[in-house]
PDB file of N, CA and C in Angstrom:
ATOM      1  N   MET A   1       5.216  61.321 -65.748  1.00  0.00           N
ATOM      2  CA  MET A   1       6.368  61.778 -65.280  1.00  0.00           C
ATOM      3  C   MET A   1       7.242  61.357 -65.217  1.00  0.00           C
ATOM      4  N   ASN A   2       6.883  60.815 -66.166  1.00  0.00           N
ATOM      5  CA  ASN A   2       8.501  60.133 -67.346  1.00  0.00           C
ATOM      6  C   ASN A   2       8.744  60.830 -67.890  1.00  0.00           C
ATOM      7  N   ALA A   3       7.988  61.211 -68.523  1.00  0.00           N
ATOM      8  CA  ALA A   3       9.212  62.590 -70.337  1.00  0.00           C
ATOM      9  C   ALA A   3       9.916  63.479 -69.134  1.00  0.00           C
ATOM     10  N   THR A   4       8.810  64.502 -67.722  1.00  0.00           N
ATOM     11  CA  THR A   4      10.548  65.003 -67.659  1.00  0.00           C
ATOM     12  C   THR A   4      11.020  64.480 -66.531  1.00  0.00           C
ATOM     13  N   VAL A   5      11.356  63.417 -66.056  1.00  0.00           N
ATOM     14  CA  VAL A   5      11.895  62.687 -65.670  1.00  0.00           C
ATOM     15  C   VAL A   5      13.540  62.633 -66.939  1.00  0.00           C
ATOM     16  N   GLN A   6      12.760  61.812 -68.306  1.00  0.00           N
ATOM     17  CA  GLN A   6      13.391  61.276 -69.579  1.00  0.00           C
ATOM     18  C   GLN A   6      14.477  62.906 -69.828  1.00  0.00           C
ATOM     19  N   CYS A   7      13.662  64.068 -69.663  1.00  0.00           N
ATOM     20  CA  CYS A   7      14.199  65.264 -70.657  1.00  0.00           C
ATOM     21  C   CYS A   7      15.244  65.997 -69.970  1.00  0.00           C
ATOM     22  N   LEU A   8      15.189  66.345 -68.276  1.00  0.00           N
ATOM     23  CA  LEU A   8      15.434  66.245 -66.988  1.00  0.00           C
ATOM     24  C   LEU A   8      17.068  65.743 -67.112  1.00  0.00           C
ATOM     25  N   LYS A   9      16.806  63.854 -68.271  1.00  0.00           N
ATOM     26  CA  LYS A   9      18.561  63.638 -67.688  1.00  0.00           C
ATOM     27  C   LYS A   9      19.721  63.873 -68.744  1.00  0.00           C
ATOM     28  N   SER A  10      18.702  64.619 -69.726  1.00  0.00           N
ATOM     29  CA  SER A  10      19.598  64.862 -71.279  1.00  0.00           C
ATOM     30  C   SER A  10      20.331  66.475 -70.905  1.00  0.00           C
ATOM     31  N   ILE A  11      20.214  66.942 -70.135  1.00  0.00           N
ATOM     32  CA  ILE A  11      20.624  67.973 -68.410  1.00  0.00           C
ATOM     33  C   ILE A  11      22.534  67.884 -68.527  1.00  0.00           C
ATOM     34  N   PRO A  12      23.567  67.871 -68.920  1.00  0.00           N
ATOM     35  CA  PRO A  12      24.291  67.559 -68.036  1.00  0.00           C
ATOM     36  C   PRO A  12      25.096  68.157 -67.331  1.00  0.00           C
ATOM     37  N   PRO A  13      24.701  69.365 -67.544  1.00  0.00           N
ATOM     38  CA  PRO A  13      25.056  71.242 -65.935  1.00  0.00           C
ATOM     39  C   PRO A  13      24.199  69.603 -64.378  1.00  0.00           C
ATOM     40  N   LEU A  14      22.506  68.674 -64.935  1.00  0.00           N
ATOM     41  CA  LEU A  14      22.333  68.586 -64.293  1.00  0.00           C
ATOM     42  C   LEU A  14      22.804  67.418 -63.974  1.00  0.00           C
ATOM     43  N   ALA A  15      23.276  66.413 -64.336  1.00  0.00           N
ATOM     44  CA  ALA A  15      22.958  64.907 -64.383  1.00  0.00           C
ATOM     45  C   ALA A  15      24.743  65.297 -62.571  1.00  0.00           C
ATOM     46  N   ASP A  16      25.372  66.165 -63.529  1.00  0.00           N
ATOM     47  CA  ASP A  16      26.665  66.321 -62.741  1.00  0.00           C
ATOM     48  C   ASP A  16      26.125  66.479 -61.269  1.00  0.00           C
ATOM     49  N   GLY A  17      25.211  67.112 -60.957  1.00  0.00           N
ATOM     50  CA  GLY A  17      25.674  67.974 -60.117  1.00  0.00           C
ATOM     51  C   GLY A  17      24.587  67.001 -58.680  1.00  0.00           C
ATOM     52  N   LEU A  18      24.125  65.757 -59.353  1.00  0.00           N
ATOM     53  CA  LEU A  18      22.870  64.421 -59.507  1.00  0.00           C
ATOM     54  C   LEU A  18      24.098  63.939 -58.824  1.00  0.00           C
ATOM     55  N   LYS A  19      25.153  63.476 -59.605  1.00  0.00           N
ATOM     56  CA  LYS A  19      25.965  62.401 -58.908  1.00  0.00           C
ATOM     57  C   LYS A  19      26.995  62.846 -58.603  1.00  0.00           C
ATOM     58  N   ALA A  20      27.300  64.082 -57.921  1.00  0.00           N
ATOM     59  CA  ALA A  20      28.084  64.933 -56.792  1.00  0.00           C
ATOM     60  C   ALA A  20      27.056  65.345 -55.125  1.00  0.00           C
ATOM     61  N   PHE A  21      25.970  65.371 -55.554  1.00  0.00           N
ATOM     62  CA  PHE A  21      25.151  64.903 -54.286  1.00  0.00           C
ATOM     63  C   PHE A  21      25.197  63.807 -53.527  1.00  0.00           C
ATOM     64  N   LYS A  22      25.315  64.058 -52.161  1.00  0.00           N
ATOM     65  CA  LYS A  22      25.100  62.595 -51.257  1.00  0.00           C
ATOM     66  C   LYS A  22      24.157  62.563 -50.331  1.00  0.00           C
ATOM     67  N   GLY A  23      23.586  63.544 -50.825  1.00  0.00           N
ATOM     68  CA  GLY A  23      22.288  62.971 -49.548  1.00  0.00           C
ATOM     69  C   GLY A  23      21.825  61.708 -50.231  1.00  0.00           C
ATOM     70  N   GLY A  24      20.667  61.145 -48.866  1.00  0.00           N
ATOM     71  CA  GLY A  24      20.223  59.841 -49.021  1.00  0.00           C
ATOM     72  C   GLY A  24      18.263  60.024 -49.339  1.00  0.00           C
ATOM     73  N   VAL A  25      17.547  59.403 -49.631  1.00  0.00           N
ATOM     74  CA  VAL A  25      16.134  59.933 -49.910  1.00  0.00           C
ATOM     75  C   VAL A  25      15.896  59.755 -48.811  1.00  0.00           C
ATOM     76  N   ALA A  26      16.729  58.631 -47.680  1.00  0.00           N
ATOM     77  CA  ALA A  26      16.291  59.181 -46.427  1.00  0.00           C
ATOM     78  C   ALA A  26      16.621  60.573 -45.798  1.00  0.00           C
ATOM     79  N   ASP A  27      16.884  61.567 -45.764  1.00  0.00           N
ATOM     80  CA  ASP A  27      16.797  62.913 -45.775  1.00  0.00           C
ATOM     81  C   ASP A  27      15.779  63.482 -45.002  1.00  0.00           C
ATOM     82  N   SER A  28      16.139  63.627 -43.732  1.00  0.00           N
ATOM     83  CA  SER A  28      14.385  65.241 -43.588  1.00  0.00           C
ATOM     84  C   SER A  28      14.704  66.274 -44.303  1.00  0.00           C
ATOM     85  N   GLU A  29      14.778  66.777 -44.837  1.00  0.00           N
ATOM     86  CA  GLU A  29      14.227  67.487 -45.784  1.00  0.00           C
ATOM     87  C   GLU A  29      13.429  67.383 -46.532  1.00  0.00           C
ATOM     88  N   SER A  30      11.938  67.304 -47.580  1.00  0.00           N
ATOM     89  CA  SER A  30      12.062  67.128 -49.107  1.00  0.00           C
ATOM     90  C   SER A  30      13.120  66.980 -49.889  1.00  0.00           C
ATOM     91  N   SER A  31      13.498  67.565 -49.885  1.00  0.00           N
ATOM     92  CA  SER A  31      14.412  68.559 -51.633  1.00  0.00           C
ATOM     93  C   SER A  31      15.097  67.783 -51.739  1.00  0.00           C
ATOM     94  N   GLY A  32      16.290  67.335 -49.955  1.00  0.00           N
ATOM     95  CA  GLY A  32      17.064  65.973 -50.708  1.00  0.00           C
ATOM     96  C   GLY A  32      16.145  65.384 -50.562  1.00  0.00           C
ATOM     97  N   ALA A  33      15.286  64.487 -50.228  1.00  0.00           N
ATOM     98  CA  ALA A  33      15.003  62.914 -50.863  1.00  0.00           C
ATOM     99  C   ALA A  33      14.743  62.914 -51.685  1.00  0.00           C
ATOM    100  N   ILE A  34      14.069  64.057 -53.017  1.00  0.00           N
ATOM    101  CA  ILE A  34      13.722  64.006 -52.589  1.00  0.00           C
ATOM    102  C   ILE A  34      15.443  64.545 -55.400  1.00  0.00           C
ATOM    103  N   THR A  35      15.759  64.445 -54.377  1.00  0.00           N
ATOM    104  CA  THR A  35      17.311  64.860 -55.447  1.00  0.00           C
ATOM    105  C   THR A  35      18.134  63.398 -55.345  1.00  0.00           C
ATOM    106  N   ALA A  36      18.556  62.924 -54.374  1.00  0.00           N
ATOM    107  CA  ALA A  36      18.839  61.363 -53.999  1.00  0.00           C
ATOM    108  C   ALA A  36      18.482  60.212 -54.680  1.00  0.00           C
ATOM    109  N   ALA A  37      16.529  61.072 -54.465  1.00  0.00           N
ATOM    110  CA  ALA A  37      15.303  59.973 -55.657  1.00  0.00           C
ATOM    111  C   ALA A  37      15.752  59.401 -57.043  1.00  0.00           C
ATOM    112  N   LEU A  38      15.651  61.180 -56.999  1.00  0.00           N
ATOM    113  CA  LEU A  38      16.423  60.751 -58.718  1.00  0.00           C
ATOM    114  C   LEU A  38      17.927  60.644 -58.796  1.00  0.00           C
ATOM    115  N   ARG A  39      18.981  61.053 -58.483  1.00  0.00           N
ATOM    116  CA  ARG A  39      20.028  59.635 -58.080  1.00  0.00           C
ATOM    117  C   ARG A  39      20.460  58.536 -58.796  1.00  0.00           C
ATOM    118  N   ASP A  40      19.696  58.163 -57.619  1.00  0.00           N
ATOM    119  CA  ASP A  40      19.392  56.709 -57.860  1.00  0.00           C
ATOM    120  C   ASP A  40      18.486  56.558 -59.000  1.00  0.00           C
ATOM    121  N   LEU A  41      17.560  56.825 -58.868  1.00  0.00           N
ATOM    122  CA  LEU A  41      17.282  56.344 -60.627  1.00  0.00           C
ATOM    123  C   LEU A  41      17.301  56.421 -62.235  1.00  0.00           C
ATOM    124  N   TYR A  42      18.505  57.556 -62.223  1.00  0.00           N
ATOM    125  CA  TYR A  42      19.323  57.641 -63.027  1.00  0.00           C
ATOM    126  C   TYR A  42      20.425  57.170 -63.679  1.00  0.00           C
ATOM    127  N   ASN A  43      21.557  56.743 -62.063  1.00  0.00           N
ATOM    128  CA  ASN A  43      21.833  55.655 -61.886  1.00  0.00           C
ATOM    129  C   ASN A  43      21.513  54.490 -62.072  1.00  0.00           C
ATOM    130  N   THR A  44      20.406  54.082 -61.931  1.00  0.00           N
ATOM    131  CA  THR A  44      20.466  53.086 -62.467  1.00  0.00           C
ATOM    132  C   THR A  44      19.763  53.394 -63.485  1.00  0.00           C
ATOM    133  N   MET A  45      18.984  53.788 -64.729  1.00  0.00           N
ATOM    134  CA  MET A  45      18.604  53.957 -66.181  1.00  0.00           C
ATOM    135  C   MET A  45      20.264  53.840 -66.345  1.00  0.00           C
ATOM    136  N   ASP A  46      21.202  54.080 -66.168  1.00  0.00           N
ATOM    137  CA  ASP A  46      22.241  54.354 -66.743  1.00  0.00           C
ATOM    138  C   ASP A  46      23.094  53.288 -67.163  1.00  0.00           C
ATOM    139  N   LYS A  47      22.025  52.707 -66.779  1.00  0.00           N
ATOM    140  CA  LYS A  47      23.027  51.094 -66.329  1.00  0.00           C
ATOM    141  C   LYS A  47      21.948  49.929 -67.317  1.00  0.00           C
ATOM    142  N   GLY A  48      21.355  50.391 -68.092  1.00  0.00           N
ATOM    143  CA  GLY A  48      20.382  49.536 -68.992  1.00  0.00           C
ATOM    144  C   GLY A  48      18.783  48.903 -67.986  1.00  0.00           C
ATOM    145  N   VAL A  49      18.900  49.609 -66.640  1.00  0.00           N
ATOM    146  CA  VAL A  49      17.272  48.547 -66.207  1.00  0.00           C
ATOM    147  C   VAL A  49      16.838  49.525 -66.005  1.00  0.00           C
ATOM    148  N   GLY A  50      15.784  49.190 -66.859  1.00  0.00           N
ATOM    149  CA  GLY A  50      14.352  49.226 -66.570  1.00  0.00           C
ATOM    150  C   GLY A  50      13.338  49.238 -65.044  1.00  0.00           C
ATOM    151  N   LEU A  51      13.462  50.124 -64.471  1.00  0.00           N
ATOM    152  CA  LEU A  51      12.538  50.250 -63.262  1.00  0.00           C
ATOM    153  C   LEU A  51      11.776  51.434 -63.317  1.00  0.00           C
ATOM    154  N   PRO A  52      10.263  50.788 -62.323  1.00  0.00           N
ATOM    155  CA  PRO A  52       9.583  51.708 -61.979  1.00  0.00           C
ATOM    156  C   PRO A  52      10.005  52.773 -60.787  1.00  0.00           C
ATOM    157  N   PRO A  53       9.715  54.157 -61.547  1.00  0.00           N
ATOM    158  CA  PRO A  53      10.530  55.636 -60.539  1.00  0.00           C
ATOM    159  C   PRO A  53       9.969  55.611 -59.255  1.00  0.00           C
ATOM    160  N   LEU A  54       9.676  54.697 -57.878  1.00  0.00           N
ATOM    161  CA  LEU A  54       8.595  54.803 -57.287  1.00  0.00           C
ATOM    162  C   LEU A  54       8.785  54.862 -56.487  1.00  0.00           C
ATOM    163  N   ILE A  55      10.645  55.121 -55.448  1.00  0.00           N
ATOM    164  CA  ILE A  55      11.520  55.844 -54.995  1.00  0.00           C
ATOM    165  C   ILE A  55      11.385  57.534 -54.688  1.00  0.00           C
ATOM    166  N   LEU A  56      11.195  57.989 -56.289  1.00  0.00           N
ATOM    167  CA  LEU A  56      10.982  59.035 -56.991  1.00  0.00           C
ATOM    168  C   LEU A  56       9.198  60.197 -56.695  1.00  0.00           C
ATOM    169  N   LEU A  57       8.769  58.870 -56.720  1.00  0.00           N
ATOM    170  CA  LEU A  57       6.903  58.471 -57.328  1.00  0.00           C
ATOM    171  C   LEU A  57       6.728  59.208 -55.903  1.00  0.00           C
ATOM    172  N   GLN A  58       7.402  58.264 -54.118  1.00  0.00           N
ATOM    173  CA  GLN A  58       6.714  58.473 -53.321  1.00  0.00           C
ATOM    174  C   GLN A  58       7.800  60.108 -52.715  1.00  0.00           C
ATOM    175  N   ALA A  59       8.927  59.780 -53.225  1.00  0.00           N
ATOM    176  CA  ALA A  59       9.559  61.633 -52.563  1.00  0.00           C
ATOM    177  C   ALA A  59       8.727  62.566 -52.398  1.00  0.00           C
ATOM    178  N   MET A  60       8.258  62.926 -53.825  1.00  0.00           N
ATOM    179  CA  MET A  60       6.531  63.384 -55.117  1.00  0.00           C
ATOM    180  C   MET A  60       5.931  63.832 -53.785  1.00  0.00           C
ATOM    181  N   HIS A  61       5.421  62.675 -53.977  1.00  0.00           N
ATOM    182  CA  HIS A  61       3.599  62.543 -52.900  1.00  0.00           C
ATOM    183  C   HIS A  61       3.947  63.027 -51.492  1.00  0.00           C
ATOM    184  N   ASN A  62       5.282  63.129 -50.670  1.00  0.00           N
ATOM    185  CA  ASN A  62       5.565  63.077 -49.251  1.00  0.00           C
ATOM    186  C   ASN A  62       5.784  64.456 -49.685  1.00  0.00           C
ATOM    187  N   ALA A  63       7.105  64.879 -50.051  1.00  0.00           N
ATOM    188  CA  ALA A  63       6.775  66.960 -50.592  1.00  0.00           C
ATOM    189  C   ALA A  63       5.914  68.057 -51.088  1.00  0.00           C
ATOM    190  N   PHE A  64       4.970  66.991 -52.509  1.00  0.00           N
ATOM    191  CA  PHE A  64       4.011  68.098 -52.463  1.00  0.00           C
ATOM    192  C   PHE A  64       3.217  67.088 -51.954  1.00  0.00           C
ATOM    193  N   PRO A  65       1.886  66.868 -51.533  1.00  0.00           N
ATOM    194  CA  PRO A  65       0.607  65.634 -52.031  1.00  0.00           C
ATOM    195  C   PRO A  65       0.170  66.283 -52.848  1.00  0.00           C
ATOM    196  N   GLN A  66      -0.125  67.250 -53.393  1.00  0.00           N
ATOM    197  CA  GLN A  66      -1.263  67.337 -54.730  1.00  0.00           C
ATOM    198  C   GLN A  66      -0.750  66.857 -55.598  1.00  0.00           C
ATOM    199  N   PHE A  67      -0.012  65.970 -55.176  1.00  0.00           N
ATOM    200  CA  PHE A  67       0.698  64.961 -56.744  1.00  0.00           C
ATOM    201  C   PHE A  67       0.252  63.829 -56.243  1.00  0.00           C
ATOM    202  N   ALA A  68      -0.572  63.325 -54.764  1.00  0.00           N
ATOM    203  CA  ALA A  68      -1.231  61.727 -54.290  1.00  0.00           C
ATOM    204  C   ALA A  68      -2.564  61.937 -54.939  1.00  0.00           C
ATOM    205  N   GLU A  69      -2.777  62.640 -54.762  1.00  0.00           N
ATOM    206  CA  GLU A  69      -4.572  63.125 -55.418  1.00  0.00           C
ATOM    207  C   GLU A  69      -4.742  62.088 -56.283  1.00  0.00           C
ATOM    208  N   ARG A  70      -6.266  60.483 -55.296  1.00  0.00           N
ATOM    209  CA  ARG A  70      -6.067  60.093 -56.326  1.00  0.00           C
ATOM    210  C   ARG A  70      -7.983  60.288 -56.733  1.00  0.00           C
ATOM    211  N   GLY A  71      -8.059  60.067 -57.868  1.00  0.00           N
ATOM    212  CA  GLY A  71      -9.409  60.266 -58.903  1.00  0.00           C
ATOM    213  C   GLY A  71     -10.396  58.796 -58.322  1.00  0.00           C
ATOM    214  N   GLU A  72     -10.559  59.075 -59.372  1.00  0.00           N
ATOM    215  CA  GLU A  72     -12.049  57.117 -59.382  1.00  0.00           C
ATOM    216  C   GLU A  72     -12.039  56.261 -59.262  1.00  0.00           C
ATOM    217  N   GLY A  73     -12.214  55.132 -57.859  1.00  0.00           N
ATOM    218  CA  GLY A  73     -11.607  53.767 -58.408  1.00  0.00           C
ATOM    219  C   GLY A  73     -10.225  54.078 -57.552  1.00  0.00           C
ATOM    220  N   GLY A  74      -9.312  55.383 -56.818  1.00  0.00           N
ATOM    221  CA  GLY A  74      -8.828  54.817 -56.957  1.00  0.00           C
ATOM    222  C   GLY A  74      -6.917  55.210 -57.301  1.00  0.00           C
ATOM    223  N   VAL A  75      -7.703  55.641 -58.837  1.00  0.00           N
ATOM    224  CA  VAL A  75      -6.429  55.396 -59.835  1.00  0.00           C
ATOM    225  C   VAL A  75      -5.502  57.505 -59.489  1.00  0.00           C
ATOM    226  N   TRP A  76      -3.763  57.277 -59.345  1.00  0.00           N
ATOM    227  CA  TRP A  76      -3.620  58.708 -59.384  1.00  0.00           C
ATOM    228  C   TRP A  76      -4.843  59.241 -60.359  1.00  0.00           C
ATOM    229  N   MET A  77      -4.766  60.474 -60.156  1.00  0.00           N
ATOM    230  CA  MET A  77      -5.156  61.561 -61.201  1.00  0.00           C
ATOM    231  C   MET A  77      -3.462  61.944 -61.839  1.00  0.00           C
ATOM    232  N   GLN A  78      -4.406  62.817 -62.971  1.00  0.00           N
ATOM    233  CA  GLN A  78      -3.126  62.707 -64.433  1.00  0.00           C
ATOM    234  C   GLN A  78      -3.031  64.485 -63.968  1.00  0.00           C
ATOM    235  N   GLN A  79      -1.643  64.584 -63.725  1.00  0.00           N
ATOM    236  CA  GLN A  79      -0.957  66.148 -62.820  1.00  0.00           C
ATOM    237  C   GLN A  79       0.513  66.202 -64.761  1.00  0.00           C
ATOM    238  N   ASP A  80       0.284  67.427 -65.063  1.00  0.00           N
ATOM    239  CA  ASP A  80       0.698  67.551 -66.688  1.00  0.00           C
ATOM    240  C   ASP A  80       2.860  68.519 -65.793  1.00  0.00           C
ATOM    241  N   ALA A  81       2.590  68.623 -67.030  1.00  0.00           N
ATOM    242  CA  ALA A  81       4.530  68.416 -65.554  1.00  0.00           C
ATOM    243  C   ALA A  81       5.229  69.810 -65.755  1.00  0.00           C
ATOM    244  N   HIS A  82       4.121  70.492 -65.638  1.00  0.00           N
ATOM    245  CA  HIS A  82       4.616  72.114 -65.380  1.00  0.00           C
ATOM    246  C   HIS A  82       3.676  72.694 -64.623  1.00  0.00           C
ATOM    247  N   GLU A  83       2.867  72.104 -63.423  1.00  0.00           N
ATOM    248  CA  GLU A  83       2.612  71.423 -62.387  1.00  0.00           C
ATOM    249  C   GLU A  83       3.969  70.903 -61.821  1.00  0.00           C
TER     250      GLU A  83
END
């Protein structure tokens, strides 16, 4: 997920669109929550602060339960970026 988040951050039109997005992470629509979480993560990254993307991860798990699957020992299962 980290590589995908970093790759997407390098796309100026996406960054501009996220900055203009007015929704919040508490949006009832999962797409709005994911968008707001990504926007907030990028804002934090722009400040030079290292932060685990926990809010984005939770929004992804809520929207796409297949990404919340756990393997042996309760560890999150590996997911490929194309999924």
